[in-house]
Amino acid sequence: TRLAKSYSETRCSTNKPTPEEITQKARALLEEVFGDNGVTEIISNPVFKSHFIVAKSNGLVASEKKALQLLGLTKSYLSNRVHRRFLTKQYERFIYQAPNSDLTIEDSYKFKTTQLDLTTDNLKDALLASGSIPLVMQGIKNIAGSPPGMYRDGGIIDYHFDLKINNPGLILYPHFNSTPKAGWFDKSLKRNVAPENYDNVVMISPSQEFVAGLPYGKIPDRTDFTDLDADTRIKYWRTVFSETEKLSDAFDQNISNQKIDLKIIS
């Protein structure tokens, strides 16, 4: 609740804030959400074992100079159109995980993957890096206990995931989109995830009818910070929060009444 309130009510100095200002706002947001004990509570939680996925960026995409970073991203876009595996030369997957995690994955694209325990020294930077969108935010450099380098949004290579999560039971995946895409650069492509990677996944997402009924006919996103003035955006997001509560209540009722429709992805 603190996260939703703090994020939705964030105000920037202009409708086109710099990556420096956005990063500064994000750090302040984390401090407010975590409070005094949040980091320790995440690391030691016996039930919810957190994992933050980060993309270590190599070459031009590691630069904070906009022109060089854009050139590197263009290379990523073109390489990915040919084959997703070509991105492995520019990005490595880092998974920062709870010390009591037993997560194992299989990735047919063979991204170099490193799994590191979350600590009081790296958690905030790892979480911030996991959402540090290129060109929008600054990357996070030299995360404690990690190899030197630049770390950015894990969604670059793992947007909705196209890998096998080894798990003996079902995997519950609540998401805003019912059509998963492997990586950030796949959003505009017709390339689908491997169906076998979702054999044991139960994905829950809002219906098209629900989304169409929201103000502006869409789920809020970061473009609202530039497309709307702050007062309009905050009012819009509060309305969506209210509608989402109704969605949550309806889902709870359907679960209780065993009224669940399943869609098989193949």
Protein backbone atom coordinates (compact mmCIF):
# COMPACT_ATOMS: atom_id res chain seq x y z
CA THR A 1 0.00 0.00 0.00
CA ARG A 2 2.88 2.38 0.78
CA LEU A 3 4.46 1.55 -2.56
CA ALA A 4 1.25 2.21 -4.51
CA LYS A 5 0.56 5.47 -2.72
CA SER A 6 4.13 6.78 -2.85
CA TYR A 7 4.71 5.86 -6.49
CA SER A 8 1.39 7.17 -7.76
CA GLU A 9 1.81 10.48 -5.96
CA THR A 10 5.38 11.10 -7.11
CA ARG A 11 5.80 14.51 -8.71
CA CYS A 12 8.74 15.58 -10.86
CA SER A 13 9.96 19.10 -11.59
CA THR A 14 8.86 18.88 -15.25
CA ASN A 15 6.91 16.47 -17.44
CA LYS A 16 10.24 15.46 -19.02
CA PRO A 17 12.49 14.80 -16.03
CA THR A 18 16.11 13.75 -16.51
CA PRO A 19 17.31 10.22 -15.77
CA GLU A 20 19.16 11.70 -12.79
CA GLU A 21 15.96 13.12 -11.28
CA ILE A 22 13.96 9.94 -11.90
CA THR A 23 16.68 7.85 -10.26
CA GLN A 24 16.76 10.21 -7.30
CA LYS A 25 12.97 9.95 -6.93
CA ALA A 26 13.21 6.16 -7.14
CA ARG A 27 15.78 6.02 -4.35
CA ALA A 28 13.58 8.22 -2.16
CA LEU A 29 10.63 5.94 -2.95
CA LEU A 30 12.57 2.88 -1.79
CA GLU A 31 13.53 4.56 1.46
CA GLU A 32 9.87 5.37 2.17
CA VAL A 33 8.65 1.88 1.29
CA PHE A 34 11.33 -0.01 3.24
CA GLY A 35 11.25 2.06 6.40
CA ASP A 36 13.69 0.98 9.12
CA ASN A 37 13.41 -2.80 8.86
CA GLY A 38 12.24 -3.55 5.30
CA VAL A 39 15.57 -4.81 3.99
CA THR A 40 16.02 -7.27 6.85
CA GLU A 41 12.40 -8.41 6.59
CA ILE A 42 12.83 -9.24 2.89
CA ILE A 43 16.08 -11.13 3.39
CA SER A 44 14.82 -13.22 6.31
CA ASN A 45 11.20 -13.85 5.23
CA PRO A 46 10.61 -17.62 5.58
CA VAL A 47 7.64 -17.71 3.17
CA PHE A 48 8.17 -15.09 0.46
CA LYS A 49 11.64 -15.62 -1.03
CA SER A 50 12.38 -12.55 -3.12
CA HIS A 51 14.31 -12.64 -6.39
CA PHE A 52 15.36 -9.52 -8.31
CA ILE A 53 16.47 -10.10 -11.89
CA VAL A 54 19.00 -7.64 -13.29
CA ALA A 55 20.74 -7.33 -16.67
CA LYS A 56 24.47 -6.62 -16.45
CA SER A 57 25.07 -4.47 -19.52
CA ASN A 58 28.29 -4.73 -21.53
CA GLY A 59 29.70 -2.58 -24.32
CA LEU A 60 27.92 0.58 -25.46
CA VAL A 61 24.75 -0.21 -23.48
CA ALA A 62 26.82 0.25 -20.33
CA SER A 63 27.47 3.90 -21.17
CA GLU A 64 25.55 6.71 -19.44
CA LYS A 65 26.13 8.94 -22.45
CA LYS A 66 22.77 9.04 -24.22
CA ALA A 67 24.11 8.84 -27.79
CA LEU A 68 26.35 5.85 -27.05
CA GLN A 69 23.66 4.10 -25.03
CA LEU A 70 21.13 4.63 -27.82
CA LEU A 71 23.61 3.23 -30.35
CA GLY A 72 24.08 0.17 -28.13
CA LEU A 73 20.33 -0.31 -27.78
CA THR A 74 19.92 -0.06 -31.55
CA LYS A 75 22.45 -2.85 -31.90
CA SER A 76 20.46 -4.87 -29.34
CA TYR A 77 17.22 -4.31 -31.26
CA LEU A 78 18.70 -5.39 -34.59
CA SER A 79 20.53 -8.37 -33.08
CA ASN A 80 17.37 -9.57 -31.36
CA ARG A 81 15.39 -9.39 -34.59
CA VAL A 82 17.80 -11.90 -36.09
CA HIS A 83 17.91 -14.16 -33.02
CA ARG A 84 17.41 -13.60 -29.32
CA ARG A 85 20.60 -15.53 -28.57
CA PHE A 86 22.69 -12.72 -30.09
CA LEU A 87 21.83 -10.56 -27.06
CA THR A 88 24.06 -12.77 -24.92
CA LYS A 89 27.05 -10.75 -26.13
CA GLN A 90 25.63 -7.56 -24.61
CA TYR A 91 23.81 -8.74 -21.49
CA GLU A 92 24.27 -11.16 -18.60
CA ARG A 93 21.50 -12.26 -16.24
CA PHE A 94 22.03 -11.68 -12.53
CA ILE A 95 19.53 -13.06 -10.03
CA TYR A 96 19.72 -11.53 -6.58
CA GLN A 97 17.88 -13.94 -4.34
CA ALA A 98 16.90 -14.60 -0.75
CA PRO A 99 19.62 -16.61 1.02
CA ASN A 100 17.12 -19.43 1.66
CA SER A 101 16.14 -19.70 -2.03
CA ASP A 102 16.40 -22.99 -3.91
CA LEU A 103 15.49 -21.53 -7.32
CA THR A 104 16.96 -23.21 -10.39
CA ILE A 105 16.26 -22.34 -14.03
CA GLU A 106 17.02 -23.64 -17.51
CA ASP A 107 17.51 -21.15 -20.33
CA SER A 108 17.63 -22.44 -23.90
CA TYR A 109 19.12 -19.11 -25.05
CA LYS A 110 22.14 -19.62 -22.79
CA PHE A 111 22.39 -16.17 -21.22
CA LYS A 112 25.24 -16.24 -18.72
CA THR A 113 23.43 -16.39 -15.38
CA THR A 114 24.84 -15.59 -11.95
CA GLN A 115 22.84 -16.09 -8.75
CA LEU A 116 23.86 -14.03 -5.71
CA ASP A 117 22.37 -13.84 -2.23
CA LEU A 118 20.61 -10.65 -1.19
CA THR A 119 22.39 -8.81 1.62
CA THR A 120 21.89 -5.61 3.55
CA ASP A 121 24.62 -4.11 1.36
CA ASN A 122 23.22 -4.99 -2.08
CA LEU A 123 19.45 -5.27 -1.74
CA LYS A 124 18.46 -1.66 -2.42
CA ASP A 125 20.82 -1.29 -5.38
CA ALA A 126 19.79 -4.68 -6.79
CA LEU A 127 16.09 -3.78 -6.57
CA LEU A 128 16.69 -0.35 -8.09
CA ALA A 129 18.75 -1.87 -10.90
CA SER A 130 15.97 -4.38 -11.65
CA GLY A 131 13.79 -1.46 -12.80
CA SER A 132 16.43 0.91 -14.20
CA ILE A 133 15.02 1.33 -17.70
CA PRO A 134 17.66 2.37 -20.26
CA LEU A 135 17.51 6.04 -21.32
CA VAL A 136 14.83 6.67 -18.67
CA MET A 137 16.86 6.03 -15.51
CA GLN A 138 20.51 5.85 -14.65
CA GLY A 139 22.02 2.39 -14.45
CA ILE A 140 23.38 1.12 -11.15
CA LYS A 141 27.15 0.76 -11.17
CA ASN A 142 29.20 -1.74 -9.16
CA ILE A 143 26.57 -3.36 -6.93
CA ALA A 144 28.14 -4.56 -3.67
CA GLY A 145 29.45 -8.13 -3.84
CA SER A 146 28.96 -8.26 -7.64
CA PRO A 147 31.44 -8.09 -10.52
CA PRO A 148 32.26 -4.47 -11.46
CA GLY A 149 30.05 -3.06 -14.18
CA MET A 150 26.74 -1.44 -15.11
CA TYR A 151 23.47 -3.06 -14.09
CA ARG A 152 20.10 -2.25 -15.66
CA ASP A 153 16.47 -3.40 -15.89
CA GLY A 154 16.26 -7.19 -15.97
CA GLY A 155 13.28 -6.87 -18.31
CA ILE A 156 15.70 -6.17 -21.15
CA ILE A 157 16.27 -9.90 -21.41
CA ASP A 158 13.52 -11.26 -19.14
CA TYR A 159 10.45 -9.14 -19.83
CA HIS A 160 7.82 -11.83 -19.17
CA PHE A 161 10.28 -14.76 -19.12
CA ASP A 162 11.01 -17.50 -21.61
CA LEU A 163 12.85 -19.96 -19.42
CA LYS A 164 12.09 -23.10 -17.49
CA ILE A 165 11.65 -22.62 -13.74
CA ASN A 166 12.30 -25.93 -12.05
CA ASN A 167 9.48 -26.39 -9.60
CA PRO A 168 7.70 -29.55 -8.41
CA GLY A 169 4.24 -27.95 -8.46
CA LEU A 170 2.40 -25.18 -10.26
CA ILE A 171 3.72 -21.64 -10.66
CA LEU A 172 1.24 -18.82 -10.03
CA TYR A 173 2.00 -15.83 -12.28
CA PRO A 174 -0.19 -12.74 -11.76
CA HIS A 175 0.49 -10.31 -14.63
CA PHE A 176 -1.06 -7.39 -16.46
CA ASN A 177 -0.64 -9.09 -19.85
CA SER A 178 -1.92 -12.50 -20.91
CA THR A 179 0.50 -12.80 -23.85
CA PRO A 180 4.01 -13.26 -22.44
CA LYS A 181 7.04 -11.99 -24.35
CA ALA A 182 10.55 -13.19 -23.64
CA GLY A 183 12.41 -9.87 -23.55
CA TRP A 184 11.97 -6.12 -23.87
CA PHE A 185 12.98 -6.16 -27.54
CA ASP A 186 10.35 -8.81 -28.32
CA LYS A 187 7.41 -6.54 -27.48
CA SER A 188 6.89 -5.49 -31.11
CA LEU A 189 7.65 -8.92 -32.57
CA LYS A 190 5.35 -11.85 -33.24
CA ARG A 191 7.88 -14.17 -31.64
CA ASN A 192 6.20 -16.27 -28.94
CA VAL A 193 7.63 -17.85 -25.82
CA ALA A 194 8.24 -21.59 -25.85
CA PRO A 195 4.94 -23.21 -24.75
CA GLU A 196 6.76 -25.90 -22.77
CA ASN A 197 8.16 -23.19 -20.47
CA TYR A 198 4.59 -22.47 -19.38
CA ASP A 199 3.43 -26.07 -18.95
CA ASN A 200 3.23 -25.68 -15.16
CA VAL A 201 2.35 -21.96 -15.06
CA VAL A 202 -1.04 -20.58 -14.02
CA MET A 203 -1.16 -17.00 -15.30
CA ILE A 204 -3.75 -14.56 -13.98
CA SER A 205 -4.36 -11.31 -15.84
CA PRO A 206 -7.14 -8.71 -16.22
CA SER A 207 -9.63 -9.31 -19.02
CA GLN A 208 -9.69 -7.03 -22.05
CA GLU A 209 -13.13 -5.90 -20.95
CA PHE A 210 -11.82 -4.81 -17.57
CA VAL A 211 -8.93 -2.86 -19.09
CA ALA A 212 -11.22 -1.21 -21.65
CA GLY A 213 -13.42 0.03 -18.80
CA LEU A 214 -10.57 1.87 -17.08
CA PRO A 215 -10.02 5.61 -17.67
CA TYR A 216 -8.22 6.04 -21.01
CA GLY A 217 -8.95 2.37 -21.70
CA LYS A 218 -5.58 1.17 -20.44
CA ILE A 219 -3.58 0.12 -17.41
CA PRO A 220 -1.53 2.99 -15.97
CA ASP A 221 2.10 3.06 -17.03
CA ARG A 222 5.15 5.31 -16.84
CA THR A 223 4.16 7.27 -19.96
CA ASP A 224 1.44 8.88 -17.85
CA PHE A 225 4.17 10.91 -16.14
CA THR A 226 4.90 12.67 -19.44
CA ASP A 227 1.49 12.55 -21.13
CA LEU A 228 -0.61 13.86 -18.21
CA ASP A 229 -0.21 16.62 -15.68
CA ALA A 230 0.43 15.42 -12.13
CA ASP A 231 -3.05 16.14 -10.75
CA THR A 232 -4.78 14.34 -13.64
CA ARG A 233 -2.42 11.37 -13.39
CA ILE A 234 -2.87 10.98 -9.63
CA LYS A 235 -6.67 11.12 -9.94
CA TYR A 236 -6.56 8.57 -12.77
CA TRP A 237 -4.34 6.18 -10.82
CA ARG A 238 -6.50 6.44 -7.69
CA THR A 239 -9.52 5.46 -9.79
CA VAL A 240 -7.64 2.43 -11.10
CA PHE A 241 -6.67 1.44 -7.55
CA SER A 242 -10.36 1.48 -6.62
CA GLU A 243 -11.35 -0.59 -9.67
CA THR A 244 -8.55 -3.05 -8.96
CA GLU A 245 -9.94 -3.65 -5.48
CA LYS A 246 -13.23 -4.63 -7.13
CA LEU A 247 -11.30 -6.99 -9.43
CA SER A 248 -9.58 -8.53 -6.43
CA ASP A 249 -12.88 -9.03 -4.62
CA ALA A 250 -14.46 -10.62 -7.69
CA PHE A 251 -11.52 -12.98 -8.12
CA ASP A 252 -11.71 -13.99 -4.46
CA GLN A 253 -15.41 -14.70 -4.86
CA ASN A 254 -14.82 -16.78 -7.99
CA ILE A 255 -12.18 -18.80 -6.18
CA SER A 256 -14.57 -19.43 -3.28
CA ASN A 257 -17.35 -20.47 -5.68
CA GLN A 258 -15.02 -22.54 -7.87
CA LYS A 259 -15.98 -20.50 -10.94
CA ILE A 260 -12.68 -20.42 -12.79
CA ASP A 261 -12.23 -20.38 -16.57
CA LEU A 262 -8.86 -21.62 -17.83
CA LYS A 263 -7.19 -20.64 -21.09
CA ILE A 264 -4.57 -23.01 -22.43
CA ILE A 265 -1.56 -21.34 -24.13
CA SER A 266 -0.15 -23.43 -26.94
